[in-house]
Amino acid sequence: MSTGLNTGDSAWLMASTAMVLLMTPGLAFFYGGMVRSKNMLTMLYMSFISISLVTVLWFLYGYGMAFGKDLGGLGLLGWGDWRLGHISPEALQGRIPKQIFVCFQLTFAIITVALISGSIAGRARFGPWILFVIVWVTLVYIPVAHWVFADSGWLNRWGVMDFAGGLVVELNSGISGLAMAIVLGPGIAFRRREGPRPGNIPFVMLGLGLLWFGWFGFNAGSALNDGVLATRAFISTMIAGCAGMLTWRLVEWIRFRHLTRLGSTSGALAGLVAITPSCAFLSVEGALAMGVVAALACTYAVELKLVAGYDDTLDVVGIHGAGGIVGVVGLGFLATGWEKGSPGLFYGGPVSVLGKQVAAMLAVGAYAFLVTYIIGKVIDRFFRIRTTEEEQARGLDAGFTAG
């Protein structure tokens, strides 16, 4: 094997890959505990099936389109490396084996599409969901990943900052969730103004714990080494998650004089989502501020569905969409310019840095919404992804084989 291999970096990335993969089962428990018990099994399996579907797709053509040689030099899509049999175990991506880099990026694609299921929980048939996963990853996730993560992607070349996926994972899933919520329309519980009835709070807390654990691999692993960049991302992740949790609880008490059962989990998620694009670019004070601002923004964003009338069942739009916006745009103010990236306005950076972050947010959001809306409409037209009122009342687990 090449002498350029760094075994410490490689070991850290393998551990990070396993940690990020664990996030999808964590999401399954998180979502499964939040829905009513009659939909729990279906909700769990919507996340688990994404693992196998996206893995096969990624190894057949997904990686080549996301990270392959740029097609036409426009920075819009990769082309090549159609199957990973073309990548030898000795091939390196910097100082790590390229094969483990491929697996690391795969885990991002898996959890991104799984996140969308929360916006349509209890209202989507399982069979058409399988088709949606395949089509959405191909037409939405892969192009956006190329724009941001690939060296030849147009947003990457433009200098847009997104360290671990605020655009690619968080905003992408949140806005796509909004599109699918509109396509499927409000469920019967939403129309009746019934509040959330989580079927299993311990599942929710377990899911949060697994997600938080995996988030350290998600963010610090994106450094692709075990050095100071990973350390900075790691500590920022811890600080922002805790700041978000405490802020959400404080806001609940100030506004309502009581604390909800899911407040802590929502606040922690808001902080973790917002720190994802910015974890390696901020000071520890900036990470604290990011967690606080994200929680403040998301406490109000989750209520927009009641005003606008879209049924974002498990607050994917309100937390991942809004939190992603806070994290991406916040970099235009709080980025320190240390080690990697450009300084934001608060650190003497030009207004153009903020402008690029806002433009990238608008571009990814518009593309994700438009294409996801079309995908949802077409699948619903030919395969009926939307459940009937009778199916919703009965529960999606009716007839679901658990054994």
Protein backbone atom coordinates (compact mmCIF):
# COMPACT_ATOMS: atom_id res chain seq x y z
CA MET A 1 0.00 0.00 0.00
CA SER A 2 1.13 3.55 -0.70
CA THR A 3 3.45 5.17 1.81
CA GLY A 4 1.03 8.13 1.85
CA LEU A 5 -1.41 6.19 4.03
CA ASN A 6 -1.98 7.57 7.53
CA THR A 7 -3.24 4.76 9.73
CA GLY A 8 -4.48 7.09 12.49
CA ASP A 9 -6.62 9.10 10.08
CA SER A 10 -7.88 5.91 8.47
CA ALA A 11 -8.86 4.39 11.82
CA TRP A 12 -10.71 7.55 12.84
CA LEU A 13 -12.64 7.66 9.55
CA MET A 14 -13.62 3.99 9.85
CA ALA A 15 -14.89 4.66 13.37
CA SER A 16 -16.70 7.80 12.16
CA THR A 17 -18.33 5.85 9.33
CA ALA A 18 -19.73 3.32 11.79
CA MET A 19 -20.92 6.16 14.06
CA VAL A 20 -22.74 7.95 11.23
CA LEU A 21 -24.33 4.69 10.08
CA LEU A 22 -25.64 4.21 13.63
CA MET A 23 -27.46 7.53 13.28
CA THR A 24 -30.03 5.98 10.93
CA PRO A 25 -31.14 3.29 13.43
CA GLY A 26 -31.08 6.11 15.99
CA LEU A 27 -33.37 8.13 13.74
CA ALA A 28 -35.63 5.10 13.38
CA PHE A 29 -36.09 4.89 17.15
CA PHE A 30 -36.43 8.67 17.42
CA TYR A 31 -39.19 8.82 14.80
CA GLY A 32 -40.70 5.50 15.88
CA GLY A 33 -41.14 6.76 19.43
CA MET A 34 -42.66 10.06 18.30
CA VAL A 35 -45.50 8.56 16.26
CA ARG A 36 -48.56 6.77 17.59
CA SER A 37 -48.04 3.11 18.37
CA LYS A 38 -50.19 2.05 15.39
CA ASN A 39 -47.54 3.50 13.03
CA MET A 40 -44.37 2.62 14.95
CA LEU A 41 -43.20 -0.45 13.00
CA THR A 42 -43.68 1.22 9.64
CA MET A 43 -41.83 4.31 10.83
CA LEU A 44 -38.92 2.22 12.08
CA TYR A 45 -38.61 0.33 8.85
CA MET A 46 -38.80 3.41 6.63
CA SER A 47 -35.39 4.32 8.05
CA PHE A 48 -33.94 0.81 8.05
CA ILE A 49 -34.92 0.08 4.43
CA SER A 50 -33.11 3.26 3.39
CA ILE A 51 -29.83 1.70 4.53
CA SER A 52 -29.98 -1.20 2.09
CA LEU A 53 -31.53 0.73 -0.80
CA VAL A 54 -29.09 3.63 -0.75
CA THR A 55 -26.07 1.37 -0.20
CA VAL A 56 -26.72 -0.66 -3.36
CA LEU A 57 -27.51 2.49 -5.35
CA TRP A 58 -24.36 4.22 -4.07
CA PHE A 59 -22.11 1.34 -5.05
CA LEU A 60 -23.70 0.95 -8.49
CA TYR A 61 -23.59 4.58 -9.61
CA GLY A 62 -24.25 7.03 -6.76
CA TYR A 63 -20.67 7.69 -5.74
CA GLY A 64 -19.56 8.13 -9.34
CA MET A 65 -22.22 10.76 -9.97
CA ALA A 66 -21.57 12.60 -6.71
CA PHE A 67 -17.78 12.53 -6.62
CA GLY A 68 -16.68 11.41 -10.09
CA LYS A 69 -15.01 13.62 -12.70
CA ASP A 70 -17.15 16.66 -13.35
CA LEU A 71 -19.43 16.39 -16.37
CA GLY A 72 -18.83 19.26 -18.79
CA GLY A 73 -16.88 21.35 -16.30
CA LEU A 74 -20.03 23.07 -15.01
CA GLY A 75 -19.84 21.71 -11.49
CA LEU A 76 -23.33 20.22 -11.66
CA LEU A 77 -22.77 16.45 -11.72
CA GLY A 78 -20.02 13.87 -11.59
CA TRP A 79 -19.47 11.18 -14.20
CA GLY A 80 -17.48 8.00 -13.87
CA ASP A 81 -16.43 5.35 -11.33
CA TRP A 82 -19.78 3.67 -12.01
CA ARG A 83 -19.07 0.78 -9.72
CA LEU A 84 -16.64 0.55 -6.86
CA GLY A 85 -14.97 -2.51 -8.32
CA HIS A 86 -12.91 0.04 -10.23
CA ILE A 87 -11.46 1.38 -6.97
CA SER A 88 -8.69 -0.81 -5.59
CA PRO A 89 -8.05 -1.22 -1.85
CA GLU A 90 -4.70 0.54 -2.36
CA ALA A 91 -6.23 3.68 -3.86
CA LEU A 92 -6.01 6.72 -1.58
CA GLN A 93 -8.17 9.77 -1.02
CA GLY A 94 -5.57 12.07 0.45
CA ARG A 95 -4.06 10.00 3.25
CA ILE A 96 -6.93 7.56 3.74
CA PRO A 97 -8.13 4.59 1.65
CA LYS A 98 -10.58 5.79 -0.97
CA GLN A 99 -12.93 2.90 -0.25
CA ILE A 100 -13.55 4.06 3.31
CA PHE A 101 -14.09 7.62 2.07
CA VAL A 102 -16.75 6.22 -0.24
CA CYS A 103 -18.44 4.41 2.68
CA PHE A 104 -18.28 7.52 4.85
CA GLN A 105 -20.06 9.58 2.21
CA LEU A 106 -22.59 6.78 1.73
CA THR A 107 -23.77 7.10 5.33
CA PHE A 108 -24.60 10.77 4.73
CA ALA A 109 -26.82 9.86 1.78
CA ILE A 110 -28.63 7.20 3.83
CA ILE A 111 -29.66 9.41 6.71
CA THR A 112 -30.59 12.37 4.52
CA VAL A 113 -33.38 10.54 2.72
CA ALA A 114 -34.45 8.79 5.93
CA LEU A 115 -34.95 12.20 7.56
CA ILE A 116 -37.66 13.08 5.03
CA SER A 117 -39.87 10.27 6.32
CA GLY A 118 -40.57 12.31 9.45
CA SER A 119 -42.41 14.99 7.50
CA ILE A 120 -44.90 12.44 6.12
CA ALA A 121 -45.11 10.07 9.10
CA GLY A 122 -48.36 8.13 9.15
CA ARG A 123 -49.39 9.38 5.70
CA ALA A 124 -47.15 7.49 3.25
CA ARG A 125 -47.51 3.93 2.00
CA PHE A 126 -44.41 1.82 2.47
CA GLY A 127 -44.14 0.39 -1.06
CA PRO A 128 -44.10 3.75 -2.87
CA TRP A 129 -41.71 5.05 -0.20
CA ILE A 130 -39.13 2.55 -1.48
CA LEU A 131 -39.45 4.00 -4.97
CA PHE A 132 -39.23 7.53 -3.58
CA VAL A 133 -35.94 6.73 -1.80
CA ILE A 134 -34.32 5.50 -5.02
CA VAL A 135 -35.52 8.36 -7.20
CA TRP A 136 -34.92 11.12 -4.66
CA VAL A 137 -31.36 10.09 -3.87
CA THR A 138 -30.61 9.90 -7.60
CA LEU A 139 -32.18 13.19 -8.66
CA VAL A 140 -31.81 15.37 -5.57
CA TYR A 141 -29.19 14.15 -3.11
CA ILE A 142 -26.48 13.18 -5.59
CA PRO A 143 -26.45 16.47 -7.55
CA VAL A 144 -26.48 18.61 -4.39
CA ALA A 145 -23.69 16.50 -2.86
CA HIS A 146 -21.63 17.09 -6.00
CA TRP A 147 -22.25 20.86 -5.87
CA VAL A 148 -21.05 21.15 -2.27
CA PHE A 149 -18.79 18.23 -1.37
CA ALA A 150 -16.94 17.47 -4.62
CA ASP A 151 -13.88 19.62 -5.34
CA SER A 152 -15.27 20.35 -8.81
CA GLY A 153 -18.77 21.23 -7.59
CA TRP A 154 -19.89 24.76 -8.44
CA LEU A 155 -20.71 25.80 -4.87
CA ASN A 156 -17.45 24.32 -3.61
CA ARG A 157 -15.43 26.17 -6.23
CA TRP A 158 -17.33 29.37 -5.44
CA GLY A 159 -16.11 29.23 -1.87
CA VAL A 160 -19.36 28.38 -0.08
CA MET A 161 -18.71 26.96 3.40
CA ASP A 162 -20.45 23.76 4.49
CA PHE A 163 -18.17 21.59 6.56
CA ALA A 164 -20.38 18.56 7.25
CA GLY A 165 -23.64 18.92 5.37
CA GLY A 166 -25.80 21.85 6.41
CA LEU A 167 -26.79 22.29 2.77
CA VAL A 168 -26.46 18.72 1.58
CA VAL A 169 -28.12 16.95 4.53
CA GLU A 170 -30.04 19.36 6.75
CA LEU A 171 -31.48 22.00 4.41
CA ASN A 172 -31.89 19.44 1.63
CA SER A 173 -33.95 17.06 3.78
CA GLY A 174 -35.91 19.86 5.47
CA ILE A 175 -37.03 21.56 2.26
CA SER A 176 -37.68 18.21 0.57
CA GLY A 177 -39.79 17.30 3.59
CA LEU A 178 -41.79 20.48 3.04
CA ALA A 179 -42.41 19.53 -0.59
CA MET A 180 -43.58 16.04 0.35
CA ALA A 181 -45.79 17.37 3.16
CA ILE A 182 -47.54 19.57 0.59
CA VAL A 183 -47.83 16.72 -1.93
CA LEU A 184 -49.44 14.36 0.59
CA GLY A 185 -51.57 17.02 2.23
CA PRO A 186 -52.57 17.19 5.89
CA GLY A 187 -53.45 14.00 7.76
CA ILE A 188 -56.65 13.53 9.70
CA ALA A 189 -54.94 14.22 13.04
CA PHE A 190 -53.56 17.53 11.74
CA ARG A 191 -56.94 18.58 10.36
CA ARG A 192 -58.50 17.88 13.74
CA ARG A 193 -55.79 19.98 15.42
CA GLU A 194 -54.80 17.02 17.56
CA GLY A 195 -51.50 17.45 19.33
CA PRO A 196 -48.61 14.97 19.13
CA ARG A 197 -49.18 11.66 20.83
CA PRO A 198 -45.77 9.99 21.03
CA GLY A 199 -46.15 6.27 21.50
CA ASN A 200 -42.86 5.66 23.29
CA ILE A 201 -40.89 8.48 24.95
CA PRO A 202 -37.99 6.17 25.97
CA PHE A 203 -37.56 5.31 22.28
CA VAL A 204 -37.35 9.04 21.52
CA MET A 205 -34.65 9.58 24.16
CA LEU A 206 -32.74 6.50 23.02
CA GLY A 207 -32.92 7.76 19.45
CA LEU A 208 -31.59 11.17 20.46
CA GLY A 209 -28.69 9.55 22.31
CA LEU A 210 -27.73 7.47 19.28
CA LEU A 211 -28.08 10.46 16.97
CA TRP A 212 -25.93 12.64 19.23
CA PHE A 213 -23.26 9.95 19.49
CA GLY A 214 -23.21 9.54 15.72
CA TRP A 215 -23.09 13.30 15.20
CA PHE A 216 -19.55 13.39 16.55
CA GLY A 217 -18.53 11.09 13.70
CA PHE A 218 -20.69 13.08 11.30
CA ASN A 219 -19.00 16.39 12.09
CA ALA A 220 -15.53 15.52 13.37
CA GLY A 221 -15.20 12.71 10.83
CA SER A 222 -15.68 15.25 8.04
CA ALA A 223 -12.21 16.56 8.82
CA LEU A 224 -10.94 13.28 7.26
CA ASN A 225 -8.16 13.25 9.85
CA ASP A 226 -7.72 12.92 13.59
CA GLY A 227 -6.06 16.29 14.12
CA VAL A 228 -7.00 19.75 15.36
CA LEU A 229 -9.72 20.28 12.75
CA ALA A 230 -11.57 17.20 13.97
CA THR A 231 -11.07 18.31 17.58
CA ARG A 232 -12.62 21.69 16.88
CA ALA A 233 -15.60 20.12 15.12
CA PHE A 234 -16.04 17.65 17.97
CA ILE A 235 -16.18 20.22 20.78
CA SER A 236 -18.41 22.57 18.76
CA THR A 237 -20.87 19.74 18.30
CA MET A 238 -21.05 19.13 22.04
CA ILE A 239 -21.45 22.79 22.94
CA ALA A 240 -24.12 23.61 20.34
CA GLY A 241 -26.25 20.58 21.19
CA CYS A 242 -26.28 21.41 24.89
CA ALA A 243 -26.91 25.12 24.26
CA GLY A 244 -29.85 24.26 22.02
CA MET A 245 -31.37 21.89 24.58
CA LEU A 246 -31.23 24.39 27.43
CA THR A 247 -32.43 27.30 25.29
CA TRP A 248 -35.49 25.43 24.03
CA ARG A 249 -36.48 24.52 27.58
CA LEU A 250 -36.04 28.11 28.74
CA VAL A 251 -38.15 29.47 25.88
CA GLU A 252 -40.89 26.93 26.65
CA TRP A 253 -40.99 28.02 30.26
CA ILE A 254 -41.04 31.73 29.42
CA ARG A 255 -43.78 31.35 26.81
CA PHE A 256 -46.00 28.68 28.32
CA ARG A 257 -44.91 28.23 31.95
CA HIS A 258 -44.59 24.49 31.41
CA LEU A 259 -42.13 22.10 29.79
CA THR A 260 -43.10 19.62 27.08
CA ARG A 261 -41.89 16.05 27.03
CA LEU A 262 -40.13 16.50 23.69
CA GLY A 263 -38.67 19.96 24.33
CA SER A 264 -35.20 18.76 25.30
CA THR A 265 -34.86 16.51 22.27
CA SER A 266 -36.07 19.20 19.87
CA GLY A 267 -33.70 21.78 21.32
CA ALA A 268 -30.69 19.48 21.18
CA LEU A 269 -31.50 18.58 17.58
CA ALA A 270 -31.82 22.25 16.62
CA GLY A 271 -28.34 22.96 17.98
CA LEU A 272 -26.81 19.89 16.37
CA VAL A 273 -28.39 20.68 13.00
CA ALA A 274 -27.16 24.28 12.98
CA ILE A 275 -23.61 23.39 14.01
CA THR A 276 -23.28 20.79 11.22
CA PRO A 277 -22.16 23.19 8.46
CA SER A 278 -20.18 25.40 10.82
CA CYS A 279 -18.57 23.10 13.40
CA ALA A 280 -14.98 23.53 12.18
CA PHE A 281 -15.28 27.24 11.35
CA LEU A 282 -16.41 28.68 14.71
CA SER A 283 -14.86 29.52 18.05
CA VAL A 284 -16.31 27.84 21.13
CA GLU A 285 -18.23 31.06 21.83
CA GLY A 286 -19.54 30.96 18.28
CA ALA A 287 -20.70 27.38 18.74
CA LEU A 288 -22.56 28.39 21.89
CA ALA A 289 -24.20 31.30 20.07
CA MET A 290 -25.13 29.07 17.14
CA GLY A 291 -26.88 26.59 19.42
CA VAL A 292 -28.82 29.35 21.18
CA VAL A 293 -29.91 31.11 17.98
CA ALA A 294 -30.89 27.82 16.33
CA ALA A 295 -33.09 26.81 19.24
CA LEU A 296 -34.75 30.24 19.31
CA ALA A 297 -35.43 30.13 15.57
CA CYS A 298 -36.66 26.55 15.54
CA THR A 299 -39.07 26.98 18.47
CA TYR A 300 -41.02 29.37 16.27
CA ALA A 301 -40.33 27.62 12.95
CA VAL A 302 -42.07 24.43 14.11
CA GLU A 303 -45.25 26.46 14.60
CA LEU A 304 -45.33 27.79 11.04
CA LYS A 305 -47.08 24.64 9.88
CA LEU A 306 -50.10 25.60 11.98
CA VAL A 307 -50.29 28.96 10.20
CA ALA A 308 -49.39 27.82 6.69
CA GLY A 309 -51.36 24.57 6.88
CA TYR A 310 -48.71 22.03 5.84
CA ASP A 311 -48.54 18.84 7.91
CA ASP A 312 -44.87 18.51 8.86
CA THR A 313 -45.66 15.68 11.23
CA LEU A 314 -42.38 15.31 13.12
CA ASP A 315 -41.01 18.84 12.50
CA VAL A 316 -38.44 17.99 9.84
CA VAL A 317 -39.04 21.36 8.18
CA GLY A 318 -39.10 23.29 11.44
CA ILE A 319 -35.88 21.79 12.81
CA HIS A 320 -33.75 20.47 9.94
CA GLY A 321 -34.88 23.06 7.41
CA ALA A 322 -34.83 26.08 9.70
CA GLY A 323 -31.81 24.85 11.65
CA GLY A 324 -29.93 24.26 8.41
CA ILE A 325 -30.67 27.82 7.31
CA VAL A 326 -29.41 29.20 10.63
CA GLY A 327 -26.20 27.19 10.38
CA VAL A 328 -25.42 28.00 6.76
CA VAL A 329 -26.28 31.71 6.92
CA GLY A 330 -24.78 32.10 10.40
CA LEU A 331 -21.38 31.26 8.96
CA GLY A 332 -21.50 34.56 7.11
CA PHE A 333 -21.36 36.25 10.52
CA LEU A 334 -19.54 33.87 12.87
CA ALA A 335 -16.88 32.10 10.79
CA THR A 336 -13.45 32.87 12.25
CA GLY A 337 -11.37 32.14 9.15
CA TRP A 338 -9.23 29.77 11.22
CA GLU A 339 -7.60 26.80 9.45
CA LYS A 340 -10.26 26.51 6.75
CA GLY A 341 -12.88 28.80 5.24
CA SER A 342 -13.29 32.57 5.10
CA PRO A 343 -13.93 34.95 8.03
CA GLY A 344 -17.48 36.19 8.53
CA LEU A 345 -18.65 39.74 9.13
CA PHE A 346 -18.02 39.61 12.88
CA TYR A 347 -14.38 38.69 12.21
CA GLY A 348 -13.63 41.31 9.57
CA GLY A 349 -14.75 39.33 6.55
CA PRO A 350 -16.40 40.91 3.48
CA VAL A 351 -20.14 41.04 2.86
CA SER A 352 -19.57 38.72 -0.11
CA VAL A 353 -19.02 35.80 2.30
CA LEU A 354 -22.52 36.25 3.71
CA GLY A 355 -23.89 36.75 0.22
CA LYS A 356 -22.47 33.44 -0.98
CA GLN A 357 -23.91 31.59 2.00
CA VAL A 358 -27.37 33.08 1.40
CA ALA A 359 -27.21 32.39 -2.34
CA ALA A 360 -26.20 28.77 -1.74
CA MET A 361 -29.05 28.33 0.72
CA LEU A 362 -31.56 29.70 -1.80
CA ALA A 363 -30.17 27.61 -4.68
CA VAL A 364 -30.19 24.32 -2.78
CA GLY A 365 -33.58 25.05 -1.22
CA ALA A 366 -35.22 25.93 -4.54
CA TYR A 367 -33.76 22.88 -6.33
CA ALA A 368 -34.69 20.47 -3.53
CA PHE A 369 -38.25 21.77 -3.27
CA LEU A 370 -39.00 21.84 -7.00
CA VAL A 371 -37.54 18.42 -7.88
CA THR A 372 -38.92 16.71 -4.77
CA TYR A 373 -42.38 18.13 -5.43
CA ILE A 374 -42.31 16.74 -8.97
CA ILE A 375 -41.03 13.35 -7.77
CA GLY A 376 -43.75 13.17 -5.13
CA LYS A 377 -46.51 14.14 -7.55
CA VAL A 378 -45.44 11.58 -10.17
CA ILE A 379 -45.09 8.72 -7.68
CA ASP A 380 -48.42 9.58 -6.09
CA ARG A 381 -50.08 9.74 -9.52
CA PHE A 382 -48.92 6.31 -10.65
CA PHE A 383 -48.33 4.41 -7.39
CA ARG A 384 -50.40 6.28 -4.77
CA ILE A 385 -47.98 7.11 -2.01
CA ARG A 386 -50.67 9.03 -0.13
CA THR A 387 -52.68 6.99 2.38
CA THR A 388 -56.46 7.15 2.57
CA GLU A 389 -58.28 8.42 5.64
CA GLU A 390 -59.31 4.84 6.42
CA GLU A 391 -55.69 3.69 6.29
CA GLN A 392 -54.60 6.55 8.55
CA ALA A 393 -57.33 5.79 11.07
CA ARG A 394 -56.45 2.09 11.09
CA GLY A 395 -52.72 2.71 11.28
CA LEU A 396 -49.98 1.80 8.84
CA ASP A 397 -48.88 -1.19 10.93
CA ALA A 398 -52.13 -3.02 10.21
CA GLY A 399 -51.06 -6.07 8.25
CA PHE A 400 -47.36 -5.19 8.65
CA THR A 401 -45.36 -8.34 9.36
CA ALA A 402 -43.16 -7.72 12.38
CA GLY A 403 -41.54 -11.14 12.61
